[in-house]
Structures are given as structure tokens and as C-alpha cells.
Protein backbone atom coordinates (compact mmCIF):
# COMPACT_ATOMS: atom_id res chain seq x y z
CA MET A 1 -19.14 99.38 11.39
CA SER A 2 -17.94 95.80 10.89
CA LYS A 3 -14.80 94.33 12.37
CA HIS A 4 -11.92 93.21 10.20
CA TRP A 5 -12.80 89.52 10.50
CA GLN A 6 -16.20 90.25 8.97
CA GLU A 7 -14.52 91.87 5.97
CA LEU A 8 -11.22 90.05 5.63
CA LEU A 9 -9.77 86.62 6.46
CA PRO A 10 -6.20 85.28 6.22
CA VAL A 11 -7.33 82.74 3.58
CA ASP A 12 -8.75 85.44 1.30
CA ARG A 13 -6.69 85.95 -1.83
CA TYR A 14 -5.57 89.24 -3.35
CA MET A 15 -3.76 90.58 -6.39
CA VAL A 16 -1.99 93.91 -6.68
CA SER A 17 -2.46 96.14 -9.69
CA SER A 18 -1.35 99.64 -10.56
CA ALA A 19 -3.38 102.37 -12.20
CA GLY A 20 -0.19 103.28 -14.07
CA LEU A 21 3.56 103.24 -13.76
CA LEU A 22 4.87 104.18 -10.33
CA HIS A 23 8.21 105.97 -10.27
CA ASP A 24 11.01 106.13 -7.74
CA TYR A 25 10.20 109.80 -7.13
CA ASP A 26 6.78 108.68 -5.87
CA ARG A 27 8.54 106.89 -2.99
CA LYS A 28 10.01 110.18 -1.79
CA VAL A 29 6.64 111.93 -1.97
CA ILE A 30 4.88 109.12 -0.10
CA THR A 31 7.59 108.80 2.55
CA LEU A 32 8.10 112.49 3.29
CA LEU A 33 4.65 113.99 2.67
CA TYR A 34 2.11 111.21 3.27
CA GLN A 35 3.83 109.27 6.07
CA PRO A 36 3.42 112.02 8.72
CA LEU A 37 -0.34 112.00 8.02
CA ILE A 38 -1.14 108.28 7.96
CA GLY A 39 1.78 106.68 9.81
CA PRO A 40 4.62 104.27 9.00
CA ILE A 41 2.52 101.07 8.99
CA CYS A 42 0.33 102.40 6.17
CA ILE A 43 3.40 103.37 4.17
CA SER A 44 4.95 99.96 4.81
CA LEU A 45 1.80 98.27 3.49
CA TYR A 46 1.82 100.45 0.35
CA MET A 47 5.50 99.72 -0.31
CA THR A 48 5.02 95.99 0.31
CA LEU A 49 2.16 95.82 -2.18
CA TRP A 50 4.20 97.86 -4.63
CA SER A 51 7.10 95.42 -4.33
CA GLU A 52 4.81 92.57 -5.41
CA LEU A 53 4.47 94.16 -8.83
CA GLU A 54 7.14 92.96 -11.20
CA GLU A 55 9.26 95.65 -12.82
CA ASN A 56 7.23 97.71 -15.32
CA ARG A 57 4.20 95.44 -14.90
CA LEU A 58 0.66 96.36 -13.84
CA TRP A 59 -0.43 93.10 -12.16
CA SER A 60 1.04 90.82 -9.50
CA GLN A 61 0.55 87.11 -8.89
CA SER A 62 -2.33 86.02 -6.66
CA SER A 63 -1.44 85.58 -2.98
CA LEU A 64 -3.02 84.95 0.44
CA HIS A 65 -3.46 87.60 3.10
CA TYR A 66 -1.82 85.07 5.42
CA ASN A 67 1.39 85.52 3.42
CA LEU A 68 1.07 89.31 3.67
CA MET A 69 0.71 88.98 7.47
CA ASN A 70 3.92 86.93 7.64
CA THR A 71 5.81 89.28 5.33
CA MET A 72 4.95 92.37 7.35
CA GLY A 73 4.87 90.72 10.77
CA LEU A 74 1.46 92.29 11.46
CA LYS A 75 -1.94 91.11 12.64
CA LEU A 76 -4.70 91.09 10.05
CA SER A 77 -6.55 93.80 11.99
CA ASP A 78 -3.54 96.14 11.65
CA ILE A 79 -3.34 95.46 7.91
CA TYR A 80 -7.07 96.11 7.54
CA GLU A 81 -6.94 99.43 9.43
CA SER A 82 -3.89 100.56 7.44
CA ARG A 83 -5.62 99.58 4.22
CA LYS A 84 -8.59 101.80 5.09
CA LYS A 85 -6.32 104.79 5.66
CA LEU A 86 -4.65 104.24 2.29
CA GLU A 87 -8.11 104.13 0.69
CA GLY A 88 -9.21 107.30 2.43
CA ILE A 89 -6.18 109.32 1.43
CA GLY A 90 -6.46 108.23 -2.21
CA LEU A 91 -3.46 105.91 -2.53
CA LEU A 92 -5.43 102.66 -2.87
CA ASP A 93 -8.61 101.43 -4.54
CA VAL A 94 -10.07 98.10 -3.38
CA TYR A 95 -12.25 95.71 -5.40
CA LYS A 96 -13.88 92.58 -4.00
CA LYS A 97 -15.31 89.44 -5.59
CA LYS A 98 -17.33 87.11 -3.36
CA SER A 99 -17.55 83.36 -3.79
CA GLU A 100 -18.73 80.45 -1.62
CA GLU A 101 -15.21 79.26 -0.88
CA GLU A 102 -13.28 82.52 -0.46
CA ASN A 103 -13.22 86.24 -1.16
CA GLN A 104 -10.85 87.68 -3.75
CA PHE A 105 -9.54 91.22 -3.65
CA VAL A 106 -7.79 93.48 -6.11
CA TYR A 107 -5.63 96.21 -4.56
CA GLU A 108 -5.06 98.94 -7.15
CA LEU A 109 -2.23 101.28 -6.20
CA ASN A 110 -2.68 104.93 -7.13
CA PRO A 111 0.22 107.35 -7.56
CA PRO A 112 0.51 110.11 -4.96
CA LEU A 113 -0.19 113.74 -5.69
CA SER A 114 2.72 115.62 -7.20
CA PRO A 115 4.54 117.94 -4.76
CA GLU A 116 2.91 120.90 -6.51
CA GLN A 117 -0.57 119.38 -6.10
CA PHE A 118 0.13 118.46 -2.47
CA PHE A 119 1.42 121.86 -1.37
CA THR A 120 -1.48 123.66 -3.09
CA ASP A 121 -4.16 121.15 -2.04
CA GLY A 122 -5.66 123.45 0.58
CA MET A 123 -6.20 120.61 3.04
CA LEU A 124 -3.42 118.02 3.05
CA ASN A 125 -0.76 120.74 3.21
CA ILE A 126 -2.49 122.26 6.25
CA TYR A 127 -2.68 118.89 8.02
CA LEU A 128 1.01 118.34 7.25
CA TYR A 129 1.92 121.76 8.65
CA LYS A 130 -0.02 120.94 11.82
CA LYS A 131 1.72 117.57 12.12
CA VAL A 132 5.39 118.40 11.46
CA GLY A 133 5.58 122.06 12.50
CA LYS A 134 6.77 125.21 10.79
CA VAL A 135 10.50 124.40 10.54
CA GLN A 136 10.14 120.88 9.11
CA PHE A 137 7.36 122.03 6.77
CA GLY A 138 9.72 124.68 5.39
CA ARG A 139 12.41 122.05 4.86
CA LEU A 140 9.99 119.81 2.98
CA LYS A 141 8.92 122.67 0.74
CA ASN A 142 12.54 123.45 -0.07
CA PHE A 143 13.25 119.76 -0.75
CA PHE A 144 10.45 119.49 -3.30
CA CYS A 145 10.98 122.92 -4.87
CA ASP A 146 13.76 124.42 -6.96
CA GLU A 147 14.82 127.96 -7.67
CA ILE A 148 13.20 129.60 -10.68
CA VAL A 149 15.70 130.73 -13.31
CA SER A 150 14.64 133.79 -15.27
CA MET A 151 14.04 133.06 -18.97
CA GLU A 152 13.15 136.61 -19.99
CA GLU A 153 16.26 137.09 -22.13
CA TYR A 154 15.84 133.75 -23.92
CA GLN A 155 13.84 133.08 -27.09
CA PRO A 156 12.42 129.65 -28.05
CA VAL A 157 14.36 128.13 -30.97
CA THR A 158 13.08 124.54 -30.79
CA LYS A 159 12.45 122.90 -34.18
CA THR A 160 9.00 121.46 -34.89
CA PHE A 161 8.34 117.98 -36.26
CA THR A 162 7.64 119.21 -39.78
CA GLU A 163 10.82 121.29 -39.80
CA VAL A 164 12.93 118.23 -39.05
CA PHE A 165 11.11 115.37 -40.78
CA ALA A 166 9.64 114.87 -44.25
CA SER A 167 7.17 112.26 -45.38
CA ASP A 168 8.37 110.52 -48.58
CA HIS A 169 6.98 107.61 -50.57
CA LEU A 170 3.38 108.35 -49.68
CA ASP A 171 2.16 105.22 -51.44
CA SER A 172 4.27 103.05 -49.11
CA LEU A 173 2.38 104.40 -46.08
CA TYR A 174 -0.87 102.82 -47.16
CA VAL A 175 -2.16 100.32 -44.59
CA SER A 176 -4.98 97.87 -45.06
CA ASP A 177 -7.85 97.33 -42.63
CA GLU A 178 -6.20 94.11 -41.51
CA THR A 179 -3.00 95.98 -40.70
CA LEU A 180 -4.93 98.63 -38.77
CA GLU A 181 -6.29 95.91 -36.50
CA GLU A 182 -2.76 94.70 -35.84
CA LEU A 183 -1.73 98.21 -34.80
CA LYS A 184 -4.33 98.28 -32.03
CA PRO A 185 -3.62 96.74 -28.58
CA GLU A 186 -5.08 93.27 -28.09
CA ALA A 187 -8.52 93.09 -26.50
CA ASN A 188 -7.35 91.86 -23.08
CA PHE A 189 -4.34 94.18 -22.85
CA LYS A 190 -3.83 97.88 -22.29
CA PRO A 191 -0.67 99.92 -22.82
CA ILE A 192 1.43 100.65 -19.75
CA GLY A 193 1.40 104.34 -18.95
CA ARG A 194 1.24 106.96 -16.24
CA THR A 195 -2.08 108.01 -14.70
CA GLN A 196 -3.06 111.02 -12.63
CA ALA A 197 -3.24 110.83 -8.85
CA LYS A 198 -6.68 110.13 -7.41
CA ALA A 199 -8.41 113.12 -5.83
CA LEU A 200 -9.67 112.81 -2.26
CA GLY A 201 -13.41 112.18 -2.08
CA GLY A 202 -16.41 111.98 0.23
CA PHE A 203 -16.59 115.68 1.11
CA HIS A 204 -19.92 116.31 -0.62
CA ASP A 205 -21.57 113.59 1.49
CA THR A 206 -20.83 115.50 4.70
CA PHE A 207 -22.21 118.90 3.64
CA ASP A 208 -25.84 119.95 3.10
CA PHE A 209 -25.77 121.93 -0.17
CA ASP A 210 -29.58 122.12 -0.33
CA LEU A 211 -29.61 124.04 2.95
CA LEU A 212 -26.76 126.24 1.70
CA PHE A 213 -28.64 127.20 -1.48
CA ALA A 214 -31.89 127.75 0.45
CA GLY A 215 -30.25 130.47 2.55
CA ILE A 216 -28.63 132.41 -0.32
CA LYS A 217 -30.75 134.61 -2.54
CA ASN A 218 -30.09 134.46 -6.26
CA SER A 219 -29.72 138.24 -6.29
CA LEU A 220 -26.74 137.96 -3.93
CA VAL A 221 -25.03 134.96 -5.52
CA PRO A 222 -26.18 133.76 -8.97
CA LYS A 223 -26.71 130.03 -9.35
CA LYS A 224 -24.18 129.91 -12.19
CA ALA A 225 -21.48 131.10 -9.76
CA PHE A 226 -21.53 127.68 -8.10
CA THR A 227 -19.26 125.88 -10.55
CA GLN A 228 -18.05 122.35 -9.85
CA ASN A 229 -14.71 123.72 -8.69
CA VAL A 230 -16.49 126.09 -6.28
CA LEU A 231 -18.70 123.29 -4.92
CA ASP A 232 -15.65 121.06 -4.35
CA THR A 233 -13.87 123.89 -2.57
CA ILE A 234 -16.86 124.63 -0.32
CA ALA A 235 -17.21 120.98 0.70
CA LYS A 236 -13.50 120.62 1.38
CA LEU A 237 -13.28 123.85 3.40
CA ALA A 238 -16.32 122.83 5.46
CA PHE A 239 -14.65 119.52 6.27
CA LEU A 240 -11.24 121.02 6.96
CA TYR A 241 -12.31 123.88 9.22
CA GLY A 242 -15.53 122.45 10.66
CA ILE A 243 -17.64 125.25 9.14
CA ASP A 244 -21.42 124.77 9.40
CA VAL A 245 -23.84 125.61 6.59
CA PHE A 246 -24.97 128.95 8.03
CA GLN A 247 -21.43 130.25 8.53
CA MET A 248 -20.49 129.03 5.05
CA GLN A 249 -23.37 131.06 3.58
CA LYS A 250 -21.81 134.23 5.00
CA LEU A 251 -18.34 133.31 3.71
CA VAL A 252 -19.66 132.55 0.21
CA ILE A 253 -21.60 135.82 -0.01
CA GLY A 254 -18.50 137.73 1.09
CA SER A 255 -16.38 136.05 -1.61
CA VAL A 256 -18.43 137.21 -4.63
CA ASN A 257 -16.44 139.57 -6.88
CA VAL A 258 -17.64 142.39 -9.16
CA GLU A 259 -18.28 139.89 -11.96
CA ASN A 260 -20.74 137.98 -9.76
CA GLU A 261 -18.37 135.04 -9.51
CA ILE A 262 -17.21 133.30 -6.34
CA ASP A 263 -13.48 133.95 -5.98
CA ILE A 264 -12.05 130.67 -4.70
CA GLU A 265 -8.91 132.25 -3.26
CA ASP A 266 -11.00 134.85 -1.40
CA LEU A 267 -13.24 132.06 -0.10
CA ARG A 268 -10.24 130.08 1.16
CA LYS A 269 -8.79 133.16 2.83
CA ALA A 270 -12.13 134.00 4.45
CA ALA A 271 -12.46 130.45 5.79
CA ARG A 272 -8.89 130.53 7.11
CA ASP A 273 -9.41 133.92 8.77
CA TRP A 274 -12.66 132.75 10.37
CA TYR A 275 -10.99 129.62 11.72
CA GLN A 276 -8.01 131.48 13.16
CA ILE A 277 -10.33 133.90 14.98
CA GLU A 278 -12.44 131.04 16.32
CA TYR A 279 -9.50 128.87 17.39
CA HIS A 280 -6.87 131.47 18.32
CA ASN A 281 -4.55 130.98 15.32
CA GLU A 282 -4.39 127.19 15.78
CA MET A 283 -4.15 125.06 12.66
CA PRO A 284 -6.93 122.46 12.16
CA SER A 285 -6.51 118.77 12.89
CA LEU A 286 -8.87 115.84 12.51
CA SER A 287 -10.33 116.36 15.99
CA ASP A 288 -11.85 119.69 14.89
CA ARG A 289 -14.55 118.07 12.75
CA VAL A 290 -18.22 118.47 13.72
CA GLN A 291 -21.17 116.08 13.33
CA PRO A 292 -22.30 115.85 9.66
CA VAL A 293 -25.74 117.39 9.10
CA ILE A 294 -27.15 114.14 7.71
CA TYR A 295 -26.58 112.51 11.13
CA HIS A 296 -28.36 115.18 13.19
CA SER A 297 -31.05 113.60 15.38
CA GLN A 298 -33.62 116.39 15.16
CA THR A 299 -34.62 118.82 12.43
CA GLU A 300 -36.72 121.18 14.58
CA GLY A 301 -35.67 123.28 17.56
CA PRO A 302 -35.01 121.55 20.90
CA ASN A 303 -37.87 121.45 23.43
CA THR A 304 -36.21 119.75 26.42
CA LYS A 305 -32.86 120.07 28.16
CA GLU A 306 -31.76 116.72 26.75
CA GLU A 307 -32.64 117.85 23.21
CA GLU A 308 -30.67 121.06 23.81
CA LEU A 309 -27.66 118.98 24.86
CA ILE A 310 -28.03 116.76 21.79
CA ARG A 311 -28.12 119.82 19.52
CA HIS A 312 -25.03 121.22 21.27
CA LEU A 313 -23.06 117.97 20.93
CA GLU A 314 -23.96 117.89 17.23
CA THR A 315 -22.63 121.37 16.55
CA VAL A 316 -19.31 121.41 18.43
CA SER A 317 -16.10 119.56 17.62
CA PRO A 318 -14.51 117.05 20.03
CA ARG A 319 -11.77 119.59 20.67
CA GLU A 320 -14.34 122.23 21.67
CA ARG A 321 -16.09 119.73 23.96
CA LEU A 322 -12.79 118.97 25.69
CA LEU A 323 -12.29 122.71 26.18
CA GLN A 324 -15.75 123.09 27.69
CA LEU A 325 -15.41 120.15 30.08
CA SER A 326 -12.00 121.37 31.28
CA GLY A 327 -13.26 124.89 32.02
CA GLY A 328 -11.53 126.51 29.04
CA ALA A 329 -8.12 124.89 29.55
CA GLU A 330 -6.42 123.87 26.29
CA PRO A 331 -6.64 120.07 25.74
CA SER A 332 -3.36 118.22 26.08
CA LYS A 333 -1.65 116.81 23.00
CA SER A 334 -2.09 113.26 24.32
CA ASP A 335 -5.87 113.75 24.75
CA LEU A 336 -6.18 115.09 21.19
CA GLN A 337 -4.15 112.15 19.87
CA ILE A 338 -6.54 109.73 21.58
CA ILE A 339 -9.52 111.46 19.97
CA GLU A 340 -7.91 111.63 16.52
CA GLY A 341 -6.95 107.96 16.83
CA ILE A 342 -10.51 106.74 17.41
CA MET A 343 -11.85 109.08 14.70
CA LEU A 344 -9.48 107.47 12.21
CA ASN A 345 -9.42 103.86 13.43
CA GLN A 346 -13.05 103.43 14.54
CA ASN A 347 -14.49 105.96 12.06
CA LEU A 348 -16.92 107.35 14.64
CA ASN A 349 -18.74 110.59 13.92
CA PRO A 350 -17.62 113.70 15.89
CA GLY A 351 -20.95 114.00 17.72
CA VAL A 352 -20.71 110.39 18.88
CA ILE A 353 -17.19 111.07 20.12
CA ASN A 354 -18.50 114.08 22.07
CA VAL A 355 -20.84 111.75 23.99
CA LEU A 356 -17.96 109.35 24.58
CA ILE A 357 -15.72 112.17 25.87
CA GLU A 358 -18.38 113.41 28.29
CA TYR A 359 -19.23 109.93 29.55
CA VAL A 360 -15.62 108.85 30.13
CA MET A 361 -14.31 112.10 31.61
CA ILE A 362 -17.13 112.49 34.13
CA LYS A 363 -16.84 108.86 35.20
CA THR A 364 -13.04 108.82 35.50
CA ASP A 365 -12.38 112.07 37.37
CA MET A 366 -11.90 114.21 34.21
CA LYS A 367 -9.27 111.90 32.69
CA LEU A 368 -9.17 110.27 29.24
CA THR A 369 -7.75 106.78 29.68
CA LYS A 370 -6.67 105.51 26.26
CA GLY A 371 -7.52 101.83 26.74
CA TYR A 372 -10.92 102.53 28.30
CA VAL A 373 -11.88 105.07 25.62
CA GLU A 374 -10.81 102.75 22.79
CA LYS A 375 -12.73 99.81 24.26
CA ILE A 376 -16.02 101.71 24.42
CA ALA A 377 -15.34 103.28 20.99
CA GLY A 378 -14.80 99.83 19.51
CA HIS A 379 -18.09 98.64 20.99
CA TRP A 380 -19.97 101.61 19.53
CA ALA A 381 -18.32 101.09 16.16
CA ARG A 382 -19.45 97.44 16.10
CA LYS A 383 -22.97 98.56 17.02
CA LYS A 384 -22.88 101.07 14.14
CA ILE A 385 -23.63 104.08 16.34
CA VAL A 386 -23.76 107.19 14.12
CA THR A 387 -25.94 109.76 15.94
CA VAL A 388 -25.61 111.57 19.28
CA LYS A 389 -28.95 110.19 20.48
CA GLU A 390 -27.92 106.61 19.68
CA ALA A 391 -24.66 107.11 21.58
CA MET A 392 -26.48 108.44 24.66
CA GLU A 393 -28.93 105.54 24.61
CA MET A 394 -26.07 103.07 24.28
CA ALA A 395 -24.22 104.64 27.23
CA LYS A 396 -27.37 104.34 29.36
CA SER A 397 -28.18 100.74 28.43
CA GLU A 398 -24.59 99.45 28.71
CA HIS A 399 -23.61 101.54 31.74
CA ARG A 400 -23.06 98.54 34.06
CA GLN A 401 -20.90 96.81 31.48
CA TYR A 402 -18.76 99.92 30.99
CA GLN A 403 -18.51 100.30 34.76
CA SER A 404 -17.04 96.81 35.03
CA TRP A 405 -14.53 97.65 32.28
CA ALA A 406 -13.46 100.72 34.23
CA GLN A 407 -12.93 98.68 37.39
CA GLY A 408 -10.90 96.10 35.48
CA LYS A 409 -8.90 93.81 37.68
CA LYS A 410 -10.26 95.39 40.86
CA GLU A 411 -13.33 93.19 40.53
CA ASN A 412 -11.22 90.07 40.96
CA LYS A 413 -9.82 91.23 44.30
CA SER A 414 -11.95 90.25 47.29
CA SER A 415 -12.09 92.52 50.31
CA ALA A 416 -13.69 92.11 53.70
CA LYS A 417 -15.16 95.58 53.72
CA LYS A 418 -16.22 97.51 50.63
CA ALA A 419 -16.35 101.30 50.59
CA ILE A 420 -19.70 102.85 49.77
CA ARG A 421 -19.47 105.72 47.29
CA THR A 422 -21.83 107.76 45.20
CA GLU A 423 -21.35 107.07 41.49
CA ILE A 424 -20.71 110.10 39.28
CA VAL A 425 -22.37 110.01 35.86
CA PRO A 426 -23.34 112.62 33.22
CA ASP A 427 -26.51 114.61 33.93
CA TRP A 428 -28.34 113.04 31.00
CA MET A 429 -27.99 109.64 32.72
CA ASN A 430 -29.30 110.76 36.12
CA LYS A 431 -32.89 110.92 34.91
CA GLU A 432 -32.70 107.36 33.64
CA GLN A 433 -31.17 106.08 36.87
CA ALA A 434 -33.65 108.00 39.02
CA LEU A 435 -36.52 106.35 37.19
CA SER A 436 -35.04 102.90 37.73
CA LYS A 437 -34.54 103.64 41.45
CA ASP A 438 -38.14 104.80 41.78
CA GLU A 439 -39.32 101.64 40.12
CA ASN A 440 -37.30 99.57 42.59
CA LYS A 441 -38.75 101.52 45.51
CA GLU A 442 -42.26 100.93 44.27
CA LYS A 443 -41.89 97.16 44.40
CA PRO A 444 -41.76 96.76 48.23
CA GLU A 445 -44.47 99.40 48.59
CA ASN A 446 -46.69 97.44 46.22
CA LYS A 447 -46.14 94.27 48.24
CA GLU A 448 -47.14 96.03 51.45
CA LEU A 449 -50.26 97.41 49.78
CA ASP A 450 -51.24 93.98 48.49
CA GLU A 451 -50.77 92.46 51.94
CA ARG A 452 -52.89 95.19 53.51
CA LYS A 453 -55.65 94.59 50.94
CA ARG A 454 -55.57 90.87 51.67
CA GLN A 455 -55.95 91.45 55.41
CA ILE A 456 -58.90 93.83 54.89
CA GLU A 457 -60.61 91.33 52.59
CA GLU A 458 -60.19 88.58 55.20
CA ARG A 459 -61.78 90.77 57.89
CA LEU A 460 -64.69 91.62 55.58
CA ASN A 461 -65.25 87.94 54.83
CA LYS A 462 -65.30 87.12 58.57
CA LEU A 463 -67.81 89.89 59.22
CA LYS A 464 -70.02 88.60 56.39
CA SER A 465 -69.89 85.04 57.74
CA ARG A 466 -70.93 86.24 61.20
CA GLY A 467 -73.77 88.28 59.75
């Protein structure tokens, strides 16, 4: 994970383009449906970039990111993080051209999903419900919906083109090859039009389909039942509800109808029912993700206690880990917001966050301090930590540094008498520290042994000289 200054500088230039015409109605969709999910700064960035497009045009003039910083009154790091969220949710595509002097970017704005697409998405609508609550969600649905008027008693009487128009003077409609070329758009131009919203992506990368297929017999679910739409739905449901491959196998088998097809609606309902049983009717949020299979540290069964812990941290969500560490008490909203924040902003994997949660809570008397958590998370992001094992090794090697961060300003205060206390750390760190203590103890013992050997050798030499 690179920091913003490794990816973006104020002197880098950018141009804004649009995949198609953006309409005023899109502003309402983005403001009311997308803003609760990605926040006001992201929406402000989208609207600012949109405003740089001239009316009914697809390209803006070239500009510096420094100017964008001044316009929005934001640091470049805030703009970079907001840009990533817009990319992730499908509202922005980014293109980069490197040169020796500067980098040039193209920011292509994508239209949002239509209200119908959004409310039937199966994921974004659930996140929105979780974010705004039942009452506000109902208001938003009513705002973007209208009452259906029955047309049963009406018959279509619309005239067709051929009923209204006739084609006369056929010879006058002849066009030469030269004229045909003039009718086409010029080579470097394309007609301005409206494009479809960009679908959310990346779900297939976080799900092991090979393992899914290996555990389902062809006699139970035919291979042809896994259409592209079914595969997309499986990947999205696995991401949304944190369903592992083995549980998904059961849900898929249970969703096969009499025609040996996978009923997508039945699969969605089965996934939703499973989640509500597992999480006591709670709706999912970003903190309920689990470690992607491709980032698991071990493929075989665990042999040691540490390997068992690694496997456990890879298969539970950060929310579940908070529940376990607090003895079953429901995590507070503020704790979940801290976890969701670092998942979005630092893009750390759920298993890595589990290690972070355990390390911080045990060291700070079962409290999640936002600044301390974010500082360590930022360090791990810069170090590109992606697996549970890497996170544990990093916590061990940088323990003294993190300890000084926790003490903060207390280190600067001198005191005549310091209190001696036993440091509390996670169990998986005790072994490492015990080894280092033993090594330190061995050093004075080795010195004593060497001194004793030297004295014995001197006595032997004296005896030899006498003899």
C-alpha cells in the first residue's frame, strides 16, 4: 500500500472526462443514495470534477491538482482517499500517463446506478439500509418511486413510423461513397450520448471458485447451472455476508430448482436467512468481511497453537473478533466505525485488522483508541501487510515502537521515581519475549562460565610448570 505522495503530487496535471452525458437527476441519486455510503467529501469531489466539464461537453481543460486542493480547501491526502472511494463504488475511472517531468491523469466520471438498479442491487441497498435506518430508507424509496397506474383498460393506439411517413423521390435519396464518409463522425470525435452506469467489480478476486466447484458434485449441481449471472451473485453474496466457500456450497445446493438451475432469488434469500441466524437479525456492514482465501497463510491444517490462532483470525470477521474479546458483549457503534474507517481508508484485509484489534485492545486495557489504531494501521498499510502471519510478525518486531506511540507525551515528562509494572501483551507475543529474555539471561551466565574456564586453565598451566 503506497501513500498518496507516492501516487499523486500537487504539480501533477489532470483532465476530467465523462463516459456520457450526466443529468441533473444524477445529482439527486448521488446525493441521497451514495452520500450516506461514501461520505460528503467524496460527493464534493465528484461534483467539483463534474463542474469542470463545460455544458454538454465530455472533456475539461487540463489543470493542476494544486488548483483542486485550493478549490476544495482539502489536503491532497484527503482528495486521494476520496478518489479511491469513488473508484471503488463505480463512480470514477482513473487513467495515468507517466513522464519524466510530471504525471498526467484522466478522471472519467461514470453515471450512478438508476434508483431501480440501486434498490435492487442486493448489496448497496443493504448497506444503505444499515447506514440510514428503516424510516429514512423508506422515505428514500418513496422519493425515488411513483405509484403504478393500472393500464389494463387501455389499448395501445400509437402510430408507427411507416403509418405516418412516406418515402418519396427515391432517386433523390441516393448518396455517393464520398457523401457516406461525410455522414460518419470525424476520426477524433465521438457523438455525445448517455452510457450505462458502471457495475461494481473485484468480487471474483476475493472468492475461491475452484474450491467451490471441487466440493459440489456434478450430479447435485450441473456445471451449466453456473451462469455468469449466478457466478456474479455468488461472489457478491460472499463479500456482502462474509460467507466462506464451504457454507456457500451448502447454500448453492439448496437453491437448485426442479429444472436443475440455480434460482438466484432463492440463493439470495438463503444467504440472507443464514446471515440473520448467525448475526441475530443484524444487517451487514463493512466490518463483517472475513480474510479473502487467497491471503490465507496456510493451506493445511494447523499443527501448533499459533497456527490455530492464525486460522481462527483468518476465518472470523473483525466484528466477531470484537465480540470474542469482549466476552460476547455487542461492540459499540464507535468501535465499529473505527474498524470500518481503517478498512476503507487503509484498505487492510479483515484478518490483518483482527490482529490489530487483538494487539491494541490487550495493550490498552480493552479499549480501541482511534488515533493509536489508525497510526499502527497506517504503518501496516505502508509496509503492505496482507496476511495474518505478516501482521503478527510486524507487531512482534515493532512492539517497542508501538509502545512508545501508546505512551505518547508521557515519555517527555521526567519523574524522580518510575513505577514498575508488568506489560500486558497478546499470548502470541509472550513466546517471542520469553525467548529474548532467556537470551539476555544467558549472556551473564556465559561470561561467568568463561571466567571459570580461564581460572582453571591458569591453575593447570601453573601445575604443569611446577611439574
